[in-house]
Amino acid sequence: MNKRLKPVVAAVFTAALLFSISTTNASDKDKTGKAKGGAPVTFNKDIAPIFYAKCADCHRPGEAGTFSVLSYKDARPWARSIKEKVVTREMPPWHADPHVGKWTNDRRLTAEQIEKIAAWVDQGAVEGNPKDLPPAPKFSEGWSIGKPDVVISMQDEHTLDASGPDEYQYFDIPTNFTEDKYVQMAEARPGNRKIVHHIIAFVVPAGSPNLSKMSKEMRDKAVEMSLNSTPFYRDGFLIRMRENQPVYNDGSEVPANLRPFNDVDDFLTAYAPGSNYGIWKPGTAKRIPAGAILRFQVHYSKVAGKVEKDRSMVGLIFAKEPPSSLMRTRAVANVFFQIPPQADNHRVTAAWTPKSDITIYTLMPHMHYRGKAMEIKVAYPDGRTETLLNVPNYSFAWQTSYEPRSLIRVPAGSKIMVSGYFDNSAKNKFNPDPTKTVRHGEPTYDEMMMGFMDYVVEKPAALAKVDPKVLESYVGQYDMGNKRTYTVIREGDRLYGQATANPKRDLYAISDTKFSIPEVESLITFVSNEKGEIVELIYEQNERVTRCKRIKDVTAN
């Protein structure tokens, strides 16, 4: 399969691959594998090139595939089942509507490739001339991205009990970076595939609390305090939606005071069933600040039936030079939905309106076992509507990140709309319990509705020309609350802003009073009183608006 593919639920493939090949009658073919009336097809000449290009990333020693396709000896016992899965297009896995969008990581085989594989099996699955075999692809052992520059591992093994509910565990690992690092590729890799359902690696800035230095009691108390006055509660090691929360299946109806709960923190990289995530185009990268911590969120599932240990890791390959654009990750999400019992096509929507021009690099649907389909559209300011991605047959077993051949430009003010469809009926063979009313939650017996995307925020194409005297009037400190300040600095004809414990960032003038900060996707508006004095700064980020009063008699150099 595609080199970017990294599936982890091999059972999807192997459930029907338990039959060994039965050979055809010797009278129907000769020793070359040529069937009566057909051209000879051999592994070495015809099939190995297909397997190497489309399947070997997973079907090789040490990876998720149950068998290897790197040699005839390993692949041949599975020939009949390979044909069955290929002909029905179950393999390689690809769930997007072929009529919507073009994708650089399209895993589908061509009709000619399918015919070759079928003919090879029908002709007896012969090996052919060894001289026809191309060189096998080279892999860095254990890594899809190649040999990492740095590997950051959990400091200690985590022991998981043999039985009980799922667990979400968090592990903080210092990077010990003495300077900012720009990451071109990042791969999260489980230490024990039998129990690791997913990994998300977050970047925690220097100076933030380190969970690894807290006692269990302190961590538990911190979690409980963080959930106060939220729609969520803690159920063991899992976060779930409180039963008494309002229901909004239409994300546009969520009131302003609840919208921030739909936000999903930006993250560095992730591992999940079927994920191919973590490689960014040259010129773009993700930044890890000096002194930062990597926080692993690991979802453990107790399916092994015995005590298991895990020590997961993240491998990093750094960009050769600082990027022109920083990559961001966002989920357009709705956590306030409710799926009725036995509903077989329940629709949930979410929407996001970017305040700046953005360019989308990847799209990835995410739901759990009741997820059935997802569609992502955009309504442009000029009234046009375009479908960006349609996945009519969503599979939780394959968390595919779809990479458009042509980057998707979305101007400020557009509305990105995500529609997820859920099957909570008995017809869904993966449904944990069709009699249950289902809400958002971390365990897979709850649900999620998120349309992830990787994107960059574009700098304004043309900057407004602002009088230097006006720029000077903005210089100073502003109170953000919670003992935090925002400092505005002028250097020549440019303004810079710096929040407490954050780096200094460019402020790009959109108008005389409004400035954009693409790096953190924020807007700043300066407010004056009737005398023309600057008295306030309005800081907008995502759905949050913070009014910051100017601190008098303080200047910023």
Protein backbone atom coordinates (compact mmCIF):
# COMPACT_ATOMS: atom_id res chain seq x y z
CA MET A 1 0.00 0.00 0.00
CA ASN A 2 0.97 3.63 -0.31
CA LYS A 3 4.17 4.47 1.55
CA ARG A 4 2.23 7.01 3.63
CA LEU A 5 -0.25 4.37 4.84
CA LYS A 6 0.20 3.03 8.34
CA PRO A 7 -2.85 0.87 9.21
CA VAL A 8 -3.11 -0.84 12.53
CA VAL A 9 -6.25 -2.90 12.44
CA ALA A 10 -4.95 -5.80 10.37
CA ALA A 11 -7.96 -7.89 11.29
CA VAL A 12 -10.00 -5.97 8.73
CA PHE A 13 -7.80 -7.44 6.04
CA THR A 14 -7.09 -10.82 7.54
CA ALA A 15 -10.57 -11.86 8.62
CA ALA A 16 -11.18 -13.27 5.17
CA LEU A 17 -7.59 -14.28 4.47
CA LEU A 18 -7.62 -17.59 6.29
CA PHE A 19 -7.85 -19.80 3.24
CA SER A 20 -4.75 -21.22 1.59
CA ILE A 21 -4.39 -21.32 -2.16
CA SER A 22 -5.76 -24.34 -3.99
CA THR A 23 -3.99 -24.88 -7.28
CA THR A 24 -5.68 -25.22 -10.62
CA ASN A 25 -5.62 -28.46 -12.57
CA ALA A 26 -2.23 -29.11 -14.11
CA SER A 27 -3.83 -29.70 -17.49
CA ASP A 28 -5.06 -26.10 -17.55
CA LYS A 29 -1.60 -24.46 -17.38
CA ASP A 30 2.06 -25.05 -18.17
CA LYS A 31 5.10 -24.51 -15.93
CA THR A 32 5.36 -20.82 -16.84
CA GLY A 33 1.95 -20.17 -15.34
CA LYS A 34 0.38 -19.57 -18.76
CA ALA A 35 -3.28 -20.59 -18.68
CA LYS A 36 -4.97 -21.85 -21.80
CA GLY A 37 -6.05 -18.80 -23.77
CA GLY A 38 -4.31 -16.26 -21.49
CA ALA A 39 -0.97 -14.42 -21.30
CA PRO A 40 1.33 -15.67 -18.52
CA VAL A 41 1.34 -13.62 -15.31
CA THR A 42 4.07 -14.21 -12.73
CA PHE A 43 4.88 -12.84 -9.31
CA ASN A 44 8.39 -11.71 -10.20
CA LYS A 45 7.54 -9.83 -13.38
CA ASP A 46 3.96 -8.61 -12.92
CA ILE A 47 2.76 -8.82 -9.32
CA ALA A 48 5.77 -7.84 -7.21
CA PRO A 49 5.89 -4.29 -8.68
CA ILE A 50 2.23 -3.78 -7.66
CA PHE A 51 2.71 -5.21 -4.19
CA TYR A 52 5.87 -3.19 -3.61
CA ALA A 53 4.15 0.07 -4.61
CA LYS A 54 0.74 -0.42 -2.97
CA CYS A 55 1.01 -2.98 -0.17
CA ALA A 56 4.53 -3.31 1.21
CA ASP A 57 4.39 -0.39 3.61
CA CYS A 58 2.06 -2.41 5.85
CA HIS A 59 2.60 -5.94 4.59
CA ARG A 60 6.22 -6.39 5.61
CA PRO A 61 7.93 -7.78 8.71
CA GLY A 62 7.16 -5.88 11.88
CA GLU A 63 4.20 -3.93 10.47
CA ALA A 64 0.43 -4.23 10.79
CA GLY A 65 -0.14 -6.62 7.89
CA THR A 66 -0.43 -10.26 8.94
CA PHE A 67 1.80 -11.42 6.10
CA SER A 68 4.60 -9.92 4.02
CA VAL A 69 4.45 -9.29 0.28
CA LEU A 70 8.18 -8.68 -0.06
CA SER A 71 8.78 -12.27 -1.15
CA TYR A 72 6.93 -14.85 -3.22
CA LYS A 73 7.31 -17.40 -0.43
CA ASP A 74 5.45 -15.18 2.05
CA ALA A 75 2.75 -13.89 -0.30
CA ARG A 76 1.74 -17.03 -2.18
CA PRO A 77 -0.17 -18.82 0.63
CA TRP A 78 -2.54 -15.84 0.72
CA ALA A 79 -3.09 -15.58 -3.03
CA ARG A 80 -6.73 -16.66 -3.19
CA SER A 81 -7.79 -14.26 -0.43
CA ILE A 82 -5.70 -11.44 -1.90
CA LYS A 83 -7.64 -11.84 -5.13
CA GLU A 84 -10.97 -11.82 -3.28
CA LYS A 85 -10.20 -8.59 -1.42
CA VAL A 86 -8.67 -6.87 -4.46
CA VAL A 87 -11.46 -7.77 -6.87
CA THR A 88 -14.12 -6.50 -4.43
CA ARG A 89 -11.97 -3.37 -3.87
CA GLU A 90 -11.85 -3.89 -0.13
CA MET A 91 -8.08 -3.69 -0.48
CA PRO A 92 -6.21 -1.45 -0.67
CA PRO A 93 -8.61 0.48 1.60
CA TRP A 94 -10.06 3.67 0.11
CA HIS A 95 -13.40 5.09 1.17
CA ALA A 96 -13.68 8.46 -0.58
CA ASP A 97 -16.16 9.07 -3.39
CA PRO A 98 -14.09 8.80 -6.60
CA HIS A 99 -16.26 11.48 -8.22
CA VAL A 100 -15.33 14.16 -5.65
CA GLY A 101 -11.78 15.49 -5.53
CA LYS A 102 -8.43 14.14 -6.70
CA TRP A 103 -5.98 12.87 -4.08
CA THR A 104 -2.23 12.37 -4.17
CA ASN A 105 -2.45 9.40 -1.78
CA ASP A 106 -5.25 7.58 -3.62
CA ARG A 107 -4.62 3.92 -2.78
CA ARG A 108 -6.93 2.38 -5.35
CA LEU A 109 -5.59 -0.10 -7.87
CA THR A 110 -6.23 0.46 -11.56
CA ALA A 111 -8.48 -1.94 -13.45
CA GLU A 112 -5.40 -3.31 -15.18
CA GLN A 113 -3.65 -4.00 -11.85
CA ILE A 114 -6.73 -5.78 -10.50
CA GLU A 115 -6.95 -7.91 -13.66
CA LYS A 116 -3.27 -8.86 -13.34
CA ILE A 117 -3.64 -9.98 -9.73
CA ALA A 118 -6.77 -11.97 -10.56
CA ALA A 119 -5.07 -13.60 -13.56
CA TRP A 120 -2.01 -14.46 -11.47
CA VAL A 121 -4.15 -16.34 -8.96
CA ASP A 122 -6.29 -17.99 -11.64
CA GLN A 123 -3.14 -19.22 -13.39
CA GLY A 124 -1.83 -20.86 -10.24
CA ALA A 125 0.06 -17.99 -8.61
CA VAL A 126 3.45 -19.00 -10.05
CA GLU A 127 6.74 -17.33 -9.17
CA GLY A 128 8.30 -16.83 -12.62
CA ASN A 129 11.88 -16.05 -13.63
CA PRO A 130 14.02 -14.76 -10.71
CA LYS A 131 15.72 -12.36 -13.15
CA ASP A 132 12.41 -10.51 -13.58
CA LEU A 133 12.11 -9.64 -9.87
CA PRO A 134 12.71 -5.90 -9.21
CA PRO A 135 14.65 -4.77 -6.12
CA ALA A 136 12.49 -4.80 -3.01
CA PRO A 137 11.76 -1.39 -1.47
CA LYS A 138 14.03 -0.28 1.35
CA PHE A 139 12.49 0.67 4.69
CA SER A 140 14.01 2.14 7.82
CA GLU A 141 13.19 -0.53 10.38
CA GLY A 142 10.13 0.43 12.38
CA TRP A 143 9.46 3.79 10.68
CA SER A 144 7.32 4.78 7.70
CA ILE A 145 8.92 8.25 7.48
CA GLY A 146 12.48 6.91 7.24
CA LYS A 147 15.17 7.11 9.90
CA PRO A 148 14.20 9.88 12.35
CA ASP A 149 16.60 12.62 13.41
CA VAL A 150 15.29 12.27 16.96
CA VAL A 151 13.16 9.66 18.71
CA ILE A 152 11.26 10.79 21.81
CA SER A 153 9.99 7.85 23.87
CA MET A 154 7.91 7.47 27.00
CA GLN A 155 10.35 7.57 29.89
CA ASP A 156 9.00 4.41 31.50
CA GLU A 157 6.90 1.45 30.42
CA HIS A 158 3.20 1.69 31.20
CA THR A 159 1.55 -1.45 32.58
CA LEU A 160 -2.05 -2.09 31.52
CA ASP A 161 -4.35 -4.39 33.47
CA ALA A 162 -5.81 -7.45 31.77
CA SER A 163 -9.44 -6.37 32.00
CA GLY A 164 -11.65 -3.36 32.61
CA PRO A 165 -12.70 -0.25 30.67
CA ASP A 166 -10.47 1.64 28.24
CA GLU A 167 -7.95 4.12 29.58
CA TYR A 168 -6.71 7.50 28.37
CA GLN A 169 -3.27 8.07 29.86
CA TYR A 170 -1.00 11.12 29.53
CA PHE A 171 2.79 11.10 29.51
CA ASP A 172 5.01 14.22 29.49
CA ILE A 173 8.46 13.83 27.92
CA PRO A 174 11.00 16.70 27.80
CA THR A 175 12.45 17.41 24.36
CA ASN A 176 15.55 19.12 25.80
CA PHE A 177 15.66 21.30 22.68
CA THR A 178 17.79 24.39 23.24
CA GLU A 179 16.40 26.14 20.15
CA ASP A 180 13.17 26.12 18.17
CA LYS A 181 12.84 23.07 15.90
CA TYR A 182 10.82 22.89 12.67
CA VAL A 183 9.43 19.43 11.99
CA GLN A 184 9.00 18.18 8.42
CA MET A 185 7.85 14.69 9.38
CA ALA A 186 6.55 13.28 12.67
CA GLU A 187 5.44 9.71 13.22
CA ALA A 188 3.78 8.43 16.37
CA ARG A 189 4.51 4.75 16.85
CA PRO A 190 2.96 2.39 19.43
CA GLY A 191 5.21 0.26 21.56
CA ASN A 192 2.52 -2.42 21.80
CA ARG A 193 0.00 -2.60 18.96
CA LYS A 194 -2.15 -5.07 20.87
CA ILE A 195 -3.31 -2.46 23.37
CA VAL A 196 -2.61 1.00 21.86
CA HIS A 197 -5.70 2.28 20.10
CA HIS A 198 -4.36 5.75 19.34
CA ILE A 199 -1.64 8.25 20.23
CA ILE A 200 -1.83 12.04 19.97
CA ALA A 201 1.34 14.05 20.62
CA PHE A 202 0.79 17.62 21.82
CA VAL A 203 3.45 20.35 22.12
CA VAL A 204 3.47 21.90 25.61
CA PRO A 205 5.42 25.20 25.83
CA ALA A 206 8.34 25.62 28.21
CA GLY A 207 7.27 26.74 31.68
CA SER A 208 4.01 24.78 31.64
CA PRO A 209 3.27 22.20 34.39
CA ASN A 210 4.93 18.84 33.74
CA LEU A 211 2.53 15.98 34.51
CA SER A 212 5.37 13.52 35.01
CA LYS A 213 6.51 15.55 38.03
CA MET A 214 3.08 15.46 39.69
CA SER A 215 1.82 12.77 42.04
CA LYS A 216 -1.23 10.76 40.98
CA GLU A 217 -3.30 12.64 43.55
CA MET A 218 -2.18 16.02 42.19
CA ARG A 219 -2.93 14.95 38.61
CA ASP A 220 -6.37 13.63 39.51
CA LYS A 221 -7.19 16.86 41.34
CA ALA A 222 -5.97 18.95 38.39
CA VAL A 223 -8.19 16.98 36.00
CA GLU A 224 -11.24 17.32 38.23
CA MET A 225 -10.68 21.07 38.61
CA SER A 226 -10.29 21.50 34.84
CA LEU A 227 -13.69 19.85 34.30
CA ASN A 228 -15.55 22.15 36.68
CA SER A 229 -18.15 24.28 34.88
CA THR A 230 -17.73 22.25 31.67
CA PRO A 231 -20.13 19.86 29.88
CA PHE A 232 -17.79 16.95 30.68
CA TYR A 233 -17.13 14.59 33.56
CA ARG A 234 -14.50 11.97 34.35
CA ASP A 235 -15.48 8.30 34.17
CA GLY A 236 -12.45 6.35 35.37
CA PHE A 237 -9.69 7.27 32.93
CA LEU A 238 -12.14 8.64 30.33
CA ILE A 239 -13.80 12.00 29.68
CA ARG A 240 -17.48 11.83 28.72
CA MET A 241 -20.43 14.18 28.18
CA ARG A 242 -22.68 14.86 31.15
CA GLU A 243 -26.20 13.50 30.63
CA ASN A 244 -27.94 16.79 31.40
CA GLN A 245 -26.23 18.81 28.66
CA PRO A 246 -28.28 20.50 25.91
CA VAL A 247 -28.52 18.80 22.53
CA TYR A 248 -27.53 20.52 19.28
CA ASN A 249 -27.27 18.14 16.33
CA ASP A 250 -26.97 21.20 14.10
CA GLY A 251 -23.66 22.79 15.03
CA SER A 252 -24.79 26.22 13.85
CA GLU A 253 -27.31 26.28 16.72
CA VAL A 254 -24.70 25.91 19.48
CA PRO A 255 -24.84 29.14 21.53
CA ALA A 256 -21.77 31.36 21.70
CA ASN A 257 -20.99 30.51 25.33
CA LEU A 258 -20.74 26.79 24.48
CA ARG A 259 -18.84 26.99 21.18
CA PRO A 260 -15.37 27.01 22.79
CA PHE A 261 -16.04 23.44 24.01
CA ASN A 262 -16.06 22.35 20.36
CA ASP A 263 -12.42 23.43 20.00
CA VAL A 264 -9.81 20.68 19.70
CA ASP A 265 -6.24 21.57 20.64
CA ASP A 266 -3.68 21.75 17.84
CA PHE A 267 -1.30 18.80 17.97
CA LEU A 268 2.01 17.68 16.49
CA THR A 269 1.19 14.23 15.15
CA ALA A 270 -1.04 11.23 15.77
CA TYR A 271 -1.37 7.48 15.36
CA ALA A 272 -4.77 5.83 14.90
CA PRO A 273 -6.24 2.85 13.05
CA GLY A 274 -5.28 3.22 9.39
CA SER A 275 -3.68 6.63 9.86
CA ASN A 276 -1.16 7.94 7.33
CA TYR A 277 -0.61 11.25 9.09
CA GLY A 278 2.52 13.26 9.78
CA ILE A 279 4.37 14.32 6.61
CA TRP A 280 4.21 17.94 5.46
CA LYS A 281 5.14 19.47 2.13
CA PRO A 282 8.45 21.34 1.78
CA GLY A 283 8.05 24.99 2.74
CA THR A 284 5.65 24.05 5.54
CA ALA A 285 6.42 22.51 8.92
CA LYS A 286 5.29 22.35 12.54
CA ARG A 287 7.25 24.19 15.21
CA ILE A 288 8.44 22.84 18.56
CA PRO A 289 9.68 25.73 20.73
CA ALA A 290 12.90 25.49 22.69
CA GLY A 291 12.40 23.77 26.03
CA ALA A 292 9.00 22.37 25.08
CA ILE A 293 7.51 19.12 26.39
CA LEU A 294 5.80 16.50 24.23
CA ARG A 295 2.61 15.29 25.89
CA PHE A 296 1.44 11.88 24.68
CA GLN A 297 -2.25 11.10 24.97
CA VAL A 298 -2.46 7.32 24.67
CA HIS A 299 -5.78 5.47 24.39
CA TYR A 300 -5.35 1.95 25.74
CA SER A 301 -7.84 -0.83 25.02
CA LYS A 302 -7.80 -3.98 27.18
CA VAL A 303 -8.47 -6.43 24.37
CA ALA A 304 -5.40 -8.64 24.88
CA GLY A 305 -6.94 -10.42 27.87
CA LYS A 306 -3.75 -10.30 29.91
CA VAL A 307 -1.43 -7.77 31.52
CA GLU A 308 0.52 -5.90 28.84
CA LYS A 309 3.24 -3.24 28.77
CA ASP A 310 3.75 -0.33 26.39
CA ARG A 311 6.42 2.26 25.72
CA SER A 312 5.27 4.31 22.74
CA MET A 313 7.36 6.90 20.91
CA VAL A 314 7.44 9.70 18.33
CA GLY A 315 10.07 10.01 15.61
CA LEU A 316 10.93 13.46 14.19
CA ILE A 317 12.61 14.51 10.95
CA PHE A 318 13.52 18.20 10.95
CA ALA A 319 13.12 20.65 8.07
CA LYS A 320 16.38 21.63 6.42
CA GLU A 321 15.52 25.32 6.84
CA PRO A 322 12.82 27.40 8.57
CA PRO A 323 9.54 27.07 6.66
CA SER A 324 7.73 29.88 4.89
CA SER A 325 4.47 28.75 6.54
CA LEU A 326 3.65 27.00 9.81
CA MET A 327 1.24 24.08 9.54
CA ARG A 328 -1.76 24.02 11.86
CA THR A 329 -4.26 21.26 12.66
CA ARG A 330 -7.91 21.89 13.49
CA ALA A 331 -11.03 19.80 13.95
CA VAL A 332 -14.34 21.25 12.82
CA ALA A 333 -16.32 19.51 15.53
CA ASN A 334 -19.63 19.26 17.36
CA VAL A 335 -19.66 17.69 20.84
CA PHE A 336 -23.30 18.51 21.69
CA PHE A 337 -25.04 15.94 19.47
CA GLN A 338 -27.25 13.07 20.59
CA ILE A 339 -27.88 9.91 18.55
CA PRO A 340 -31.20 8.17 19.30
CA PRO A 341 -31.43 4.38 19.76
CA GLN A 342 -31.93 2.41 16.53
CA ALA A 343 -31.37 5.50 14.31
CA ASP A 344 -29.76 4.24 11.10
CA ASN A 345 -28.85 7.55 9.40
CA HIS A 346 -28.61 10.23 12.07
CA ARG A 347 -27.10 13.51 10.83
CA VAL A 348 -24.83 15.77 12.90
CA THR A 349 -23.25 18.96 11.58
CA ALA A 350 -20.47 21.35 12.51
CA ALA A 351 -19.17 24.54 10.89
CA TRP A 352 -16.23 26.92 11.05
CA THR A 353 -15.71 30.33 9.46
CA PRO A 354 -12.01 31.24 9.21
CA LYS A 355 -11.28 34.90 9.85
CA SER A 356 -8.18 34.82 7.59
CA ASP A 357 -7.38 33.30 4.21
CA ILE A 358 -6.28 29.69 4.65
CA THR A 359 -4.86 26.91 2.45
CA ILE A 360 -5.94 23.34 3.24
CA TYR A 361 -3.39 20.55 2.82
CA THR A 362 -5.26 17.50 4.22
CA LEU A 363 -8.75 16.47 5.31
CA MET A 364 -9.53 13.59 7.69
CA PRO A 365 -12.91 12.40 8.99
CA HIS A 366 -13.06 11.04 12.51
CA MET A 367 -15.95 9.15 14.13
CA HIS A 368 -16.23 5.92 16.13
CA TYR A 369 -17.97 2.59 15.44
CA ARG A 370 -21.35 4.11 14.63
CA GLY A 371 -19.82 6.46 12.05
CA LYS A 372 -21.33 5.80 8.64
CA ALA A 373 -20.40 8.66 6.28
CA MET A 374 -18.95 12.17 6.27
CA GLU A 375 -19.05 15.06 3.84
CA ILE A 376 -17.03 18.29 3.99
CA LYS A 377 -18.19 21.34 2.00
CA VAL A 378 -17.28 25.00 1.79
CA ALA A 379 -19.60 27.95 1.08
CA TYR A 380 -17.55 30.82 -0.37
CA PRO A 381 -18.28 34.52 0.24
CA ASP A 382 -19.39 34.90 -3.40
CA GLY A 383 -22.21 32.39 -2.89
CA ARG A 384 -20.57 29.35 -4.51
CA THR A 385 -20.67 25.99 -2.68
CA GLU A 386 -18.14 23.21 -3.26
CA THR A 387 -17.85 19.68 -1.89
CA LEU A 388 -14.25 19.15 -0.77
CA LEU A 389 -14.52 15.53 0.39
CA ASN A 390 -17.23 12.88 0.46
CA VAL A 391 -16.67 9.61 2.32
CA PRO A 392 -19.88 7.58 1.80
CA ASN A 393 -18.50 4.42 3.44
CA TYR A 394 -16.59 5.57 6.51
CA SER A 395 -14.57 2.89 8.32
CA PHE A 396 -13.31 3.36 11.86
CA ALA A 397 -10.60 0.80 11.04
CA TRP A 398 -8.95 3.14 8.51
CA GLN A 399 -8.35 6.70 9.72
CA THR A 400 -7.27 8.06 6.34
CA SER A 401 -5.92 11.56 5.86
CA TYR A 402 -6.89 12.67 2.33
CA GLU A 403 -4.31 14.84 0.53
CA PRO A 404 -5.69 16.91 -2.37
CA ARG A 405 -3.62 17.05 -5.55
CA SER A 406 -4.33 20.77 -5.77
CA LEU A 407 -4.18 22.72 -2.53
CA ILE A 408 -7.55 24.10 -1.42
CA ARG A 409 -7.60 27.90 -1.08
CA VAL A 410 -10.32 29.16 1.26
CA PRO A 411 -10.78 32.93 1.60
CA ALA A 412 -11.65 34.59 4.90
CA GLY A 413 -15.36 34.60 5.61
CA SER A 414 -16.01 31.25 3.92
CA LYS A 415 -18.02 28.68 5.87
CA ILE A 416 -16.54 25.17 6.12
CA MET A 417 -19.35 22.70 6.82
CA VAL A 418 -18.95 19.12 8.08
CA SER A 419 -21.84 16.62 8.05
CA GLY A 420 -21.45 13.27 9.80
CA TYR A 421 -23.93 10.39 9.53
CA PHE A 422 -24.30 7.68 12.17
CA ASP A 423 -25.83 4.20 12.13
CA ASN A 424 -26.97 3.27 15.64
CA SER A 425 -29.15 0.41 14.44
CA ALA A 426 -28.77 -3.35 14.70
CA LYS A 427 -27.87 -3.36 10.97
CA ASN A 428 -24.47 -1.92 11.91
CA LYS A 429 -22.44 -5.02 12.80
CA PHE A 430 -19.86 -2.86 14.62
CA ASN A 431 -22.44 -1.13 16.83
CA PRO A 432 -21.61 -1.65 20.53
CA ASP A 433 -25.28 -1.35 21.57
CA PRO A 434 -28.14 -0.15 19.31
CA THR A 435 -30.46 0.32 22.32
CA LYS A 436 -28.35 3.12 23.79
CA THR A 437 -28.72 6.86 23.35
CA VAL A 438 -25.25 8.01 22.32
CA ARG A 439 -23.41 11.23 23.08
CA HIS A 440 -19.87 12.57 22.66
CA GLY A 441 -17.11 10.89 24.66
CA GLU A 442 -13.60 9.48 24.55
CA PRO A 443 -14.45 5.75 24.71
CA THR A 444 -15.31 4.07 21.41
CA TYR A 445 -18.74 3.06 22.78
CA ASP A 446 -19.45 6.81 22.82
CA GLU A 447 -19.09 8.84 19.61
CA MET A 448 -17.20 11.74 18.08
CA MET A 449 -17.94 13.95 15.08
CA MET A 450 -14.83 15.75 13.85
CA GLY A 451 -13.54 16.81 10.47
CA PHE A 452 -9.79 17.30 10.89
CA MET A 453 -7.72 19.41 8.55
CA ASP A 454 -4.11 20.51 8.17
CA TYR A 455 -3.83 24.06 6.88
CA VAL A 456 -1.76 27.20 6.90
CA VAL A 457 -3.03 30.70 7.62
CA GLU A 458 -1.93 32.98 4.81
CA LYS A 459 -0.40 36.36 5.50
CA PRO A 460 -2.46 39.29 4.19
CA ALA A 461 -1.76 39.76 0.49
CA ALA A 462 -1.48 43.53 0.92
CA LEU A 463 -0.74 45.27 4.20
CA ALA A 464 -2.51 48.46 5.16
CA LYS A 465 -0.28 51.53 5.42
CA VAL A 466 -0.60 52.89 8.94
CA ASP A 467 0.78 56.24 10.07
CA PRO A 468 3.81 55.70 12.36
CA LYS A 469 2.21 58.01 14.93
CA VAL A 470 -0.82 55.70 15.03
CA LEU A 471 1.43 52.67 15.44
CA GLU A 472 3.22 54.41 18.29
CA SER A 473 -0.07 55.06 20.03
CA TYR A 474 -0.67 51.29 20.30
CA VAL A 475 2.63 50.59 22.07
CA GLY A 476 2.21 49.46 25.67
CA GLN A 477 0.87 46.68 27.86
CA TYR A 478 -2.67 45.32 28.07
CA ASP A 479 -4.25 43.21 30.82
CA MET A 480 -5.39 39.77 29.53
CA GLY A 481 -6.58 38.62 32.96
CA ASN A 482 -5.28 35.71 35.08
CA LYS A 483 -2.05 37.63 35.71
CA ARG A 484 -1.23 37.68 32.00
CA THR A 485 -0.36 40.68 29.87
CA TYR A 486 -0.11 41.41 26.18
CA THR A 487 2.78 43.66 25.20
CA VAL A 488 2.77 45.65 21.95
CA ILE A 489 6.15 46.70 20.58
CA ARG A 490 7.04 48.95 17.64
CA GLU A 491 10.14 48.42 15.51
CA GLY A 492 10.29 50.94 12.67
CA ASP A 493 7.05 50.73 10.70
CA ARG A 494 6.09 47.31 12.12
CA LEU A 495 4.24 46.21 15.26
CA TYR A 496 4.90 43.07 17.26
CA GLY A 497 2.88 41.48 20.06
CA GLN A 498 3.87 39.17 22.87
CA ALA A 499 1.63 37.46 25.40
CA THR A 500 3.00 36.25 28.72
CA ALA A 501 5.10 33.05 28.27
CA ASN A 502 4.81 33.29 24.49
CA PRO A 503 7.24 34.37 21.75
CA LYS A 504 7.14 37.76 20.07
CA ARG A 505 4.99 37.65 16.91
CA ASP A 506 4.41 39.90 13.88
CA LEU A 507 1.23 41.95 13.75
CA TYR A 508 0.11 42.38 10.12
CA ALA A 509 -1.97 45.50 9.49
CA ILE A 510 -5.34 44.80 7.88
CA SER A 511 -6.57 48.34 8.60
CA ASP A 512 -5.60 51.26 10.83
CA THR A 513 -6.99 49.48 13.89
CA LYS A 514 -7.09 45.75 13.03
CA PHE A 515 -4.08 43.42 12.84
CA SER A 516 -3.67 39.74 11.95
CA ILE A 517 -1.38 37.17 13.63
CA PRO A 518 -1.33 34.25 11.15
CA GLU A 519 0.98 32.08 13.25
CA VAL A 520 -1.66 31.66 15.97
CA GLU A 521 -4.70 32.49 13.83
CA SER A 522 -5.70 35.54 15.83
CA LEU A 523 -6.96 39.06 15.26
CA ILE A 524 -6.24 42.17 17.34
CA THR A 525 -8.34 45.31 17.28
CA PHE A 526 -7.30 48.50 19.08
CA VAL A 527 -10.11 50.54 20.66
CA SER A 528 -9.98 54.26 21.47
CA ASN A 529 -12.17 56.46 23.67
CA GLU A 530 -13.92 59.70 22.71
CA LYS A 531 -10.63 61.55 23.19
CA GLY A 532 -8.83 59.31 20.72
CA GLU A 533 -6.80 57.60 23.44
CA ILE A 534 -6.15 53.85 23.07
CA VAL A 535 -7.85 52.24 26.04
CA GLU A 536 -8.38 48.64 25.04
CA LEU A 537 -7.22 45.78 22.84
CA ILE A 538 -9.67 43.09 21.63
CA TYR A 539 -7.96 39.72 21.11
CA GLU A 540 -9.90 37.18 18.99
CA GLN A 541 -8.80 33.55 18.69
CA ASN A 542 -11.12 30.76 17.53
CA GLU A 543 -14.44 31.42 19.26
CA ARG A 544 -12.86 33.29 22.16
CA VAL A 545 -12.89 37.06 22.45
CA THR A 546 -10.76 38.66 25.19
CA ARG A 547 -11.08 42.37 26.00
CA CYS A 548 -7.74 43.59 27.36
CA LYS A 549 -7.71 46.95 29.14
CA ARG A 550 -4.63 49.07 28.60
CA ILE A 551 -2.31 49.28 31.60
CA LYS A 552 -1.66 52.97 32.16
CA ASP A 553 1.78 54.52 32.43
CA VAL A 554 3.53 51.45 31.02
CA THR A 555 5.46 51.61 27.76
CA ALA A 556 7.06 48.82 25.78
CA ASN A 557 10.49 49.26 24.27
